[in-house]
């Protein structure tokens, strides 16, 4: 009798484990990430640039974005420099975060353009455990004080 009860418990645990594993994998889905941001530079200190603004696109619709950039050289010398940084996108359902790598290219009037790739490294709420990657392209246009990066890739959550 004890053996039968033990076998039932083991089978029930296995079924529960399979059901939970299936449910978790069904909930995660790869989605297109295609968005635009409009950012204003709020802090420029040394080799660190922090910008915040609006995010519009997929996933999530409308939200906020915070970008921190670390140019790996002096843009005032007029030559492109490597760029590192991160971006946090805040939406109604939570937040996702990505690390950035690319190039910052100086433009006239102390403006600069950015281009590169991003790796999504996590999130909160609906975006808990988010992964994926996207490209970014944009930055300031000459004579403007805002950045206008575009993001395109995939996100899984």
N, C-alpha and C. Protein backbone atom coordinates (compact mmCIF):
# COMPACT_ATOMS: atom_id res chain seq x y z
N UNK A 1 0.83 -1.19 0.00
CA UNK A 1 0.00 0.00 0.00
C UNK A 1 0.87 1.25 0.00
N UNK A 2 1.91 1.26 0.84
CA UNK A 2 2.81 2.41 0.92
C UNK A 2 3.47 2.65 -0.43
N UNK A 3 3.81 1.57 -1.12
CA UNK A 3 4.43 1.67 -2.43
C UNK A 3 3.48 2.30 -3.44
N UNK A 4 2.21 1.95 -3.39
CA UNK A 4 1.20 2.52 -4.30
C UNK A 4 1.04 4.01 -4.03
N UNK A 5 0.95 4.40 -2.76
CA UNK A 5 0.80 5.82 -2.39
C UNK A 5 2.03 6.60 -2.86
N UNK A 6 3.20 6.03 -2.63
CA UNK A 6 4.43 6.69 -3.06
C UNK A 6 4.47 6.85 -4.57
N UNK A 7 4.05 5.83 -5.30
CA UNK A 7 4.02 5.91 -6.77
C UNK A 7 3.04 6.99 -7.22
N UNK A 8 1.88 7.09 -6.59
CA UNK A 8 0.89 8.12 -6.94
C UNK A 8 1.47 9.51 -6.69
N UNK A 9 2.15 9.71 -5.55
CA UNK A 9 2.76 11.00 -5.22
C UNK A 9 3.82 11.37 -6.26
N UNK A 10 4.66 10.41 -6.64
CA UNK A 10 5.71 10.66 -7.63
C UNK A 10 5.10 11.03 -8.98
N UNK A 11 4.09 10.30 -9.41
CA UNK A 11 3.43 10.59 -10.69
C UNK A 11 2.76 11.97 -10.64
N UNK A 12 2.07 12.27 -9.54
CA UNK A 12 1.42 13.57 -9.40
C UNK A 12 2.45 14.70 -9.44
N UNK A 13 3.58 14.52 -8.78
CA UNK A 13 4.64 15.54 -8.79
C UNK A 13 5.19 15.71 -10.21
N UNK A 14 5.37 14.61 -10.92
CA UNK A 14 5.89 14.69 -12.29
C UNK A 14 4.90 15.41 -13.19
N UNK A 15 3.62 15.11 -13.07
CA UNK A 15 2.59 15.78 -13.89
C UNK A 15 2.55 17.27 -13.57
N UNK A 16 2.61 17.60 -12.28
CA UNK A 16 2.60 19.01 -11.88
C UNK A 16 3.82 19.72 -12.45
N UNK A 17 4.99 19.08 -12.38
CA UNK A 17 6.21 19.69 -12.91
C UNK A 17 6.12 19.92 -14.40
N UNK A 18 5.58 18.94 -15.14
CA UNK A 18 5.41 19.10 -16.59
C UNK A 18 4.41 20.21 -16.89
N UNK A 19 3.32 20.27 -16.14
CA UNK A 19 2.32 21.32 -16.36
C UNK A 19 2.91 22.70 -16.10
N UNK A 20 3.67 22.82 -15.02
CA UNK A 20 4.28 24.12 -14.72
C UNK A 20 5.32 24.49 -15.76
N UNK A 21 6.13 23.55 -16.19
CA UNK A 21 7.14 23.84 -17.20
C UNK A 21 6.48 24.24 -18.51
N UNK A 22 5.40 23.56 -18.88
CA UNK A 22 4.69 23.90 -20.10
C UNK A 22 4.06 25.28 -19.99
N UNK A 23 3.45 25.59 -18.85
CA UNK A 23 2.82 26.89 -18.67
C UNK A 23 3.86 28.01 -18.78
N UNK A 24 5.01 27.84 -18.12
CA UNK A 24 6.05 28.87 -18.17
C UNK A 24 6.54 29.08 -19.59
N UNK A 25 6.77 28.00 -20.33
CA UNK A 25 7.29 28.16 -21.68
C UNK A 25 6.22 28.76 -22.59
N UNK A 26 4.93 28.48 -22.33
CA UNK A 26 3.88 29.07 -23.15
C UNK A 26 3.74 30.56 -22.90
N UNK A 27 4.04 31.00 -21.68
CA UNK A 27 3.91 32.41 -21.35
C UNK A 27 4.99 33.25 -22.01
N UNK A 28 6.20 32.72 -22.13
CA UNK A 28 7.30 33.46 -22.78
C UNK A 28 7.08 33.43 -24.29
N UNK A 29 7.22 34.58 -24.90
CA UNK A 29 6.99 34.66 -26.33
C UNK A 29 7.92 35.72 -26.91
N UNK A 30 8.50 35.41 -28.07
CA UNK A 30 9.33 36.40 -28.75
C UNK A 30 8.43 37.37 -29.50
N UNK A 31 8.71 38.64 -29.33
CA UNK A 31 7.90 39.69 -29.96
C UNK A 31 8.80 40.67 -30.68
N UNK A 32 8.26 41.33 -31.65
CA UNK A 32 9.01 42.38 -32.34
C UNK A 32 9.16 43.59 -31.42
N UNK A 33 10.32 44.19 -31.46
CA UNK A 33 10.56 45.44 -30.74
C UNK A 33 10.85 46.48 -31.81
N UNK A 34 9.98 47.46 -31.90
CA UNK A 34 10.15 48.53 -32.88
C UNK A 34 9.60 49.80 -32.23
N UNK A 35 10.49 50.74 -31.96
CA UNK A 35 10.07 51.91 -31.20
C UNK A 35 10.92 53.13 -31.55
N UNK A 36 10.40 54.27 -31.17
CA UNK A 36 11.10 55.55 -31.30
C UNK A 36 11.16 56.19 -29.92
N UNK A 37 12.20 56.93 -29.69
CA UNK A 37 12.31 57.69 -28.45
C UNK A 37 12.64 59.13 -28.79
N UNK A 38 12.24 60.02 -27.93
CA UNK A 38 12.63 61.43 -28.01
C UNK A 38 13.19 61.78 -26.64
N UNK A 39 14.47 62.11 -26.59
CA UNK A 39 15.13 62.34 -25.31
C UNK A 39 15.76 63.72 -25.24
N UNK A 40 15.77 64.26 -24.06
CA UNK A 40 16.48 65.49 -23.78
C UNK A 40 17.65 65.17 -22.88
N UNK A 41 18.79 65.77 -23.15
CA UNK A 41 19.99 65.50 -22.36
C UNK A 41 19.90 66.29 -21.06
N UNK A 42 19.82 65.55 -19.96
CA UNK A 42 19.64 66.23 -18.68
C UNK A 42 20.93 66.38 -17.90
N UNK A 43 21.88 65.49 -18.12
CA UNK A 43 23.16 65.58 -17.42
C UNK A 43 24.27 65.19 -18.38
N UNK A 44 25.25 66.06 -18.50
CA UNK A 44 26.46 65.73 -19.25
C UNK A 44 27.61 66.04 -18.31
N UNK A 45 28.21 64.97 -17.75
CA UNK A 45 29.32 65.17 -16.83
C UNK A 45 30.48 64.30 -17.25
N UNK A 46 31.56 64.96 -17.67
CA UNK A 46 32.73 64.22 -18.13
C UNK A 46 32.37 63.32 -19.29
N UNK A 47 32.63 62.03 -19.13
CA UNK A 47 32.37 61.05 -20.19
C UNK A 47 31.05 60.32 -19.98
N UNK A 48 30.10 60.95 -19.28
CA UNK A 48 28.81 60.32 -19.03
C UNK A 48 27.70 61.27 -19.48
N UNK A 49 26.81 60.74 -20.30
CA UNK A 49 25.66 61.51 -20.79
C UNK A 49 24.40 60.77 -20.34
N UNK A 50 23.52 61.47 -19.64
CA UNK A 50 22.25 60.88 -19.21
C UNK A 50 21.12 61.65 -19.89
N UNK A 51 20.20 60.90 -20.49
CA UNK A 51 19.07 61.51 -21.19
C UNK A 51 17.79 60.77 -20.81
N UNK A 52 16.70 61.51 -20.71
CA UNK A 52 15.40 60.90 -20.45
C UNK A 52 14.40 61.45 -21.45
N UNK A 53 13.31 60.72 -21.63
CA UNK A 53 12.29 61.20 -22.55
C UNK A 53 11.17 60.20 -22.73
N UNK A 54 10.56 60.26 -23.89
CA UNK A 54 9.40 59.41 -24.18
C UNK A 54 9.79 58.24 -25.08
N UNK A 55 9.04 57.17 -24.93
CA UNK A 55 9.19 55.94 -25.73
C UNK A 55 7.83 55.67 -26.34
N UNK A 56 7.81 55.39 -27.64
CA UNK A 56 6.57 55.04 -28.31
C UNK A 56 6.83 53.87 -29.25
N UNK A 57 6.08 52.79 -29.09
CA UNK A 57 6.26 51.67 -29.99
C UNK A 57 5.82 50.36 -29.40
N UNK A 58 6.40 49.30 -29.95
CA UNK A 58 6.06 47.95 -29.55
C UNK A 58 7.31 47.28 -29.00
N UNK A 59 7.24 46.65 -27.83
CA UNK A 59 6.04 46.42 -27.03
C UNK A 59 5.71 47.61 -26.15
N UNK A 60 4.49 47.59 -25.65
CA UNK A 60 4.11 48.49 -24.58
C UNK A 60 3.41 49.77 -24.91
N UNK A 61 3.45 50.22 -26.15
CA UNK A 61 2.79 51.48 -26.48
C UNK A 61 3.63 52.68 -26.07
N UNK A 62 3.08 53.51 -25.19
CA UNK A 62 3.78 54.73 -24.77
C UNK A 62 4.34 54.56 -23.36
N UNK A 63 5.52 55.13 -23.16
CA UNK A 63 6.16 55.06 -21.86
C UNK A 63 7.28 56.07 -21.76
N UNK A 64 8.21 55.79 -20.89
CA UNK A 64 9.35 56.67 -20.66
C UNK A 64 10.63 55.88 -20.90
N UNK A 65 11.70 56.61 -21.20
CA UNK A 65 12.99 55.98 -21.44
C UNK A 65 14.06 56.79 -20.71
N UNK A 66 15.04 56.07 -20.15
CA UNK A 66 16.21 56.70 -19.54
C UNK A 66 17.45 56.05 -20.15
N UNK A 67 18.32 56.87 -20.71
CA UNK A 67 19.51 56.38 -21.41
C UNK A 67 20.75 56.95 -20.74
N UNK A 68 21.73 56.09 -20.48
CA UNK A 68 23.03 56.54 -19.99
C UNK A 68 24.08 56.10 -20.99
N UNK A 69 24.83 57.06 -21.51
CA UNK A 69 25.85 56.79 -22.52
C UNK A 69 27.23 57.13 -21.98
N UNK A 70 28.21 56.31 -22.35
CA UNK A 70 29.60 56.54 -21.97
C UNK A 70 30.45 56.53 -23.24
N UNK A 71 30.61 57.69 -23.91
CA UNK A 71 31.52 57.74 -25.06
C UNK A 71 32.93 57.37 -24.58
N UNK A 72 33.61 56.51 -25.33
CA UNK A 72 34.94 56.03 -24.95
C UNK A 72 36.05 56.86 -25.60
N UNK A 73 35.81 58.14 -25.68
CA UNK A 73 36.78 59.06 -26.26
C UNK A 73 36.20 60.46 -26.25
N UNK A 74 36.97 61.40 -26.76
CA UNK A 74 36.57 62.81 -26.75
C UNK A 74 35.90 63.18 -28.07
N UNK A 75 34.59 63.37 -28.04
CA UNK A 75 33.85 63.73 -29.25
C UNK A 75 34.25 65.11 -29.78
N UNK A 76 34.81 65.94 -28.92
CA UNK A 76 35.21 67.29 -29.34
C UNK A 76 36.35 67.25 -30.34
N UNK A 77 37.01 66.12 -30.47
CA UNK A 77 38.12 66.00 -31.44
C UNK A 77 37.61 65.76 -32.86
N UNK A 78 36.28 65.59 -33.01
CA UNK A 78 35.69 65.48 -34.34
C UNK A 78 35.73 64.11 -34.98
N UNK A 79 36.13 63.09 -34.24
CA UNK A 79 36.20 61.73 -34.78
C UNK A 79 35.21 60.82 -34.07
N UNK A 80 34.66 59.80 -34.77
CA UNK A 80 33.78 58.83 -34.11
C UNK A 80 34.52 58.11 -32.98
N UNK A 81 33.79 57.77 -31.93
CA UNK A 81 34.37 57.04 -30.80
C UNK A 81 33.46 55.88 -30.41
N UNK A 82 34.05 54.81 -29.85
CA UNK A 82 33.21 53.72 -29.34
C UNK A 82 32.30 54.24 -28.23
N UNK A 83 31.20 53.55 -28.05
CA UNK A 83 30.17 53.97 -27.10
C UNK A 83 29.68 52.76 -26.31
N UNK A 84 29.50 52.93 -25.01
CA UNK A 84 28.87 51.92 -24.16
C UNK A 84 27.75 52.61 -23.41
N UNK A 85 26.85 51.83 -22.84
CA UNK A 85 25.80 52.44 -22.05
C UNK A 85 24.68 51.48 -21.74
N UNK A 86 23.56 52.05 -21.31
CA UNK A 86 22.37 51.25 -21.04
C UNK A 86 21.13 52.09 -21.28
N UNK A 87 20.04 51.39 -21.47
CA UNK A 87 18.74 52.04 -21.65
C UNK A 87 17.73 51.29 -20.79
N UNK A 88 16.86 52.05 -20.13
CA UNK A 88 15.76 51.49 -19.36
C UNK A 88 14.47 52.04 -19.94
N UNK A 89 13.56 51.13 -20.28
CA UNK A 89 12.27 51.52 -20.86
C UNK A 89 11.19 51.20 -19.83
N UNK A 90 10.45 52.25 -19.44
CA UNK A 90 9.40 52.14 -18.41
C UNK A 90 8.04 52.17 -19.08
N UNK A 91 7.26 51.09 -18.87
CA UNK A 91 5.94 50.96 -19.48
C UNK A 91 4.91 50.62 -18.40
N UNK A 92 3.63 50.68 -18.74
CA UNK A 92 2.58 50.37 -17.76
C UNK A 92 2.76 49.00 -17.12
N UNK A 93 3.21 48.01 -17.89
CA UNK A 93 3.34 46.65 -17.38
C UNK A 93 4.64 46.35 -16.66
N UNK A 94 5.58 47.28 -16.64
CA UNK A 94 6.88 47.05 -16.01
C UNK A 94 7.97 47.77 -16.76
N UNK A 95 9.19 47.27 -16.60
CA UNK A 95 10.36 47.92 -17.20
C UNK A 95 11.25 46.84 -17.79
N UNK A 96 11.96 47.17 -18.90
CA UNK A 96 13.04 46.30 -19.36
C UNK A 96 14.29 47.13 -19.55
N UNK A 97 15.44 46.45 -19.40
CA UNK A 97 16.74 47.11 -19.43
C UNK A 97 17.62 46.45 -20.47
N UNK A 98 18.44 47.25 -21.15
CA UNK A 98 19.38 46.72 -22.14
C UNK A 98 20.73 47.41 -22.00
N UNK A 99 21.79 46.68 -22.31
CA UNK A 99 23.12 47.27 -22.40
C UNK A 99 23.38 47.64 -23.86
N UNK A 100 24.12 48.71 -24.07
CA UNK A 100 24.36 49.24 -25.40
C UNK A 100 25.84 49.20 -25.75
N UNK A 101 26.14 48.96 -27.03
CA UNK A 101 27.49 49.08 -27.58
C UNK A 101 27.34 49.66 -28.97
N UNK A 102 28.20 50.61 -29.30
CA UNK A 102 28.10 51.18 -30.63
C UNK A 102 29.14 52.25 -30.85
N UNK A 103 28.74 53.23 -31.66
CA UNK A 103 29.62 54.33 -32.04
C UNK A 103 28.88 55.64 -31.88
N UNK A 104 29.57 56.62 -31.34
CA UNK A 104 29.07 58.00 -31.28
C UNK A 104 29.87 58.80 -32.30
N UNK A 105 29.16 59.51 -33.18
CA UNK A 105 29.81 60.29 -34.21
C UNK A 105 29.47 61.76 -34.02
N UNK A 106 30.49 62.61 -33.87
CA UNK A 106 30.22 64.04 -33.68
C UNK A 106 29.63 64.68 -34.93
N UNK A 107 28.73 65.62 -34.72
CA UNK A 107 28.12 66.41 -35.78
C UNK A 107 28.39 67.89 -35.48
N UNK A 108 28.11 68.78 -36.42
CA UNK A 108 28.30 70.21 -36.15
C UNK A 108 27.46 70.69 -34.96
N UNK A 109 27.83 71.79 -34.39
CA UNK A 109 27.11 72.46 -33.29
C UNK A 109 27.01 71.60 -32.03
N UNK A 110 28.05 70.82 -31.73
CA UNK A 110 28.10 69.99 -30.52
C UNK A 110 27.04 68.90 -30.45
N UNK A 111 26.48 68.53 -31.58
CA UNK A 111 25.51 67.43 -31.63
C UNK A 111 26.27 66.13 -31.92
N UNK A 112 25.62 64.99 -31.72
CA UNK A 112 26.24 63.72 -32.08
C UNK A 112 25.17 62.69 -32.44
N UNK A 113 25.57 61.74 -33.28
CA UNK A 113 24.70 60.64 -33.69
C UNK A 113 25.22 59.36 -33.03
N UNK A 114 24.31 58.43 -32.75
CA UNK A 114 24.69 57.14 -32.17
C UNK A 114 24.12 56.01 -33.01
N UNK A 115 24.86 54.90 -33.04
CA UNK A 115 24.41 53.73 -33.79
C UNK A 115 25.08 52.51 -33.18
N UNK A 116 24.31 51.41 -33.04
CA UNK A 116 24.91 50.21 -32.50
C UNK A 116 23.90 49.13 -32.19
N UNK A 117 24.28 48.25 -31.26
CA UNK A 117 23.44 47.12 -30.87
C UNK A 117 23.19 47.15 -29.37
N UNK A 118 22.10 46.52 -28.98
CA UNK A 118 21.73 46.45 -27.56
C UNK A 118 21.35 45.02 -27.22
N UNK A 119 21.66 44.63 -25.99
CA UNK A 119 21.30 43.31 -25.49
C UNK A 119 20.37 43.50 -24.30
N UNK A 120 19.16 42.95 -24.38
CA UNK A 120 18.19 43.06 -23.29
C UNK A 120 18.62 42.11 -22.18
N UNK A 121 18.77 42.66 -20.97
CA UNK A 121 19.34 41.88 -19.86
C UNK A 121 18.37 41.65 -18.70
N UNK A 122 17.11 41.99 -18.87
CA UNK A 122 16.15 41.73 -17.80
C UNK A 122 15.05 42.76 -17.74
N UNK A 123 14.22 42.61 -16.72
CA UNK A 123 13.13 43.54 -16.57
C UNK A 123 12.35 43.27 -15.30
N UNK A 124 11.27 44.00 -15.15
CA UNK A 124 10.39 43.85 -13.99
C UNK A 124 8.95 43.72 -14.48
N UNK A 125 8.07 43.27 -13.59
CA UNK A 125 6.65 43.15 -13.93
C UNK A 125 6.45 42.21 -15.10
N UNK A 126 5.69 42.64 -16.07
CA UNK A 126 5.40 41.86 -17.27
C UNK A 126 6.69 41.46 -18.01
N UNK A 127 7.75 42.24 -17.84
CA UNK A 127 9.01 42.01 -18.56
C UNK A 127 10.05 41.27 -17.72
N UNK A 128 9.62 40.68 -16.61
CA UNK A 128 10.53 39.93 -15.73
C UNK A 128 11.28 38.89 -16.55
N UNK A 129 12.60 38.89 -16.44
CA UNK A 129 13.43 37.92 -17.15
C UNK A 129 13.53 38.16 -18.65
N UNK A 130 13.19 39.34 -19.12
CA UNK A 130 13.21 39.63 -20.56
C UNK A 130 14.60 39.42 -21.14
N UNK A 131 14.64 38.94 -22.37
CA UNK A 131 15.88 38.77 -23.12
C UNK A 131 15.61 39.24 -24.55
N UNK A 132 16.67 39.38 -25.31
CA UNK A 132 16.52 39.77 -26.71
C UNK A 132 17.62 40.73 -27.11
N UNK A 133 17.46 41.30 -28.28
CA UNK A 133 18.44 42.26 -28.77
C UNK A 133 17.77 43.20 -29.77
N UNK A 134 18.39 44.35 -29.94
CA UNK A 134 17.89 45.30 -30.93
C UNK A 134 19.02 46.21 -31.38
N UNK A 135 18.79 46.86 -32.50
CA UNK A 135 19.72 47.89 -32.97
C UNK A 135 19.17 49.24 -32.56
N UNK A 136 20.06 50.20 -32.42
CA UNK A 136 19.63 51.57 -32.18
C UNK A 136 20.36 52.48 -33.16
N UNK A 137 19.67 53.52 -33.58
CA UNK A 137 20.21 54.44 -34.57
C UNK A 137 19.53 55.78 -34.37
N UNK A 138 20.31 56.82 -34.22
CA UNK A 138 19.70 58.13 -34.04
C UNK A 138 20.65 59.09 -33.36
N UNK A 139 20.14 59.74 -32.35
CA UNK A 139 20.91 60.76 -31.67
C UNK A 139 20.36 62.13 -32.01
N UNK A 140 21.19 63.13 -31.80
CA UNK A 140 20.76 64.49 -32.09
C UNK A 140 20.89 64.79 -33.58
N UNK A 141 20.05 65.66 -34.05
CA UNK A 141 20.25 66.21 -35.37
C UNK A 141 20.86 67.58 -35.18
N UNK A 142 21.68 68.01 -36.12
CA UNK A 142 22.34 69.30 -35.99
C UNK A 142 21.32 70.39 -35.72
N UNK A 143 21.59 71.18 -34.70
CA UNK A 143 20.72 72.29 -34.36
C UNK A 143 19.59 71.94 -33.40
N UNK A 144 19.43 70.67 -33.04
CA UNK A 144 18.37 70.27 -32.11
C UNK A 144 18.98 69.91 -30.77
N UNK A 145 18.20 70.07 -29.72
CA UNK A 145 18.69 69.74 -28.39
C UNK A 145 18.13 68.42 -27.88
N UNK A 146 17.40 67.71 -28.72
CA UNK A 146 16.85 66.41 -28.33
C UNK A 146 17.46 65.31 -29.18
N UNK A 147 17.50 64.10 -28.62
CA UNK A 147 17.91 62.92 -29.38
C UNK A 147 16.67 62.19 -29.86
N UNK A 148 16.81 61.51 -30.99
CA UNK A 148 15.67 60.78 -31.55
C UNK A 148 16.10 59.38 -32.01
N UNK A 149 16.47 58.53 -31.05
CA UNK A 149 16.89 57.18 -31.45
C UNK A 149 15.71 56.30 -31.86
N UNK A 150 15.99 55.40 -32.77
CA UNK A 150 15.02 54.38 -33.19
C UNK A 150 15.58 53.03 -32.74
N UNK A 151 14.68 52.16 -32.25
CA UNK A 151 15.06 50.83 -31.77
C UNK A 151 14.33 49.79 -32.62
N UNK A 152 15.06 48.72 -33.03
CA UNK A 152 14.41 47.67 -33.79
C UNK A 152 15.09 46.33 -33.53
N UNK A 153 14.28 45.31 -33.17
CA UNK A 153 14.82 43.99 -32.89
C UNK A 153 13.75 43.07 -32.35
N UNK A 154 14.13 42.23 -31.38
CA UNK A 154 13.18 41.31 -30.76
C UNK A 154 13.36 41.30 -29.25
N UNK A 155 12.28 41.01 -28.56
CA UNK A 155 12.28 40.87 -27.11
C UNK A 155 11.47 39.65 -26.75
N UNK A 156 11.96 38.87 -25.81
CA UNK A 156 11.23 37.69 -25.34
C UNK A 156 10.94 37.86 -23.87
N UNK A 157 9.67 37.68 -23.51
CA UNK A 157 9.25 37.75 -22.10
C UNK A 157 7.98 36.97 -21.90
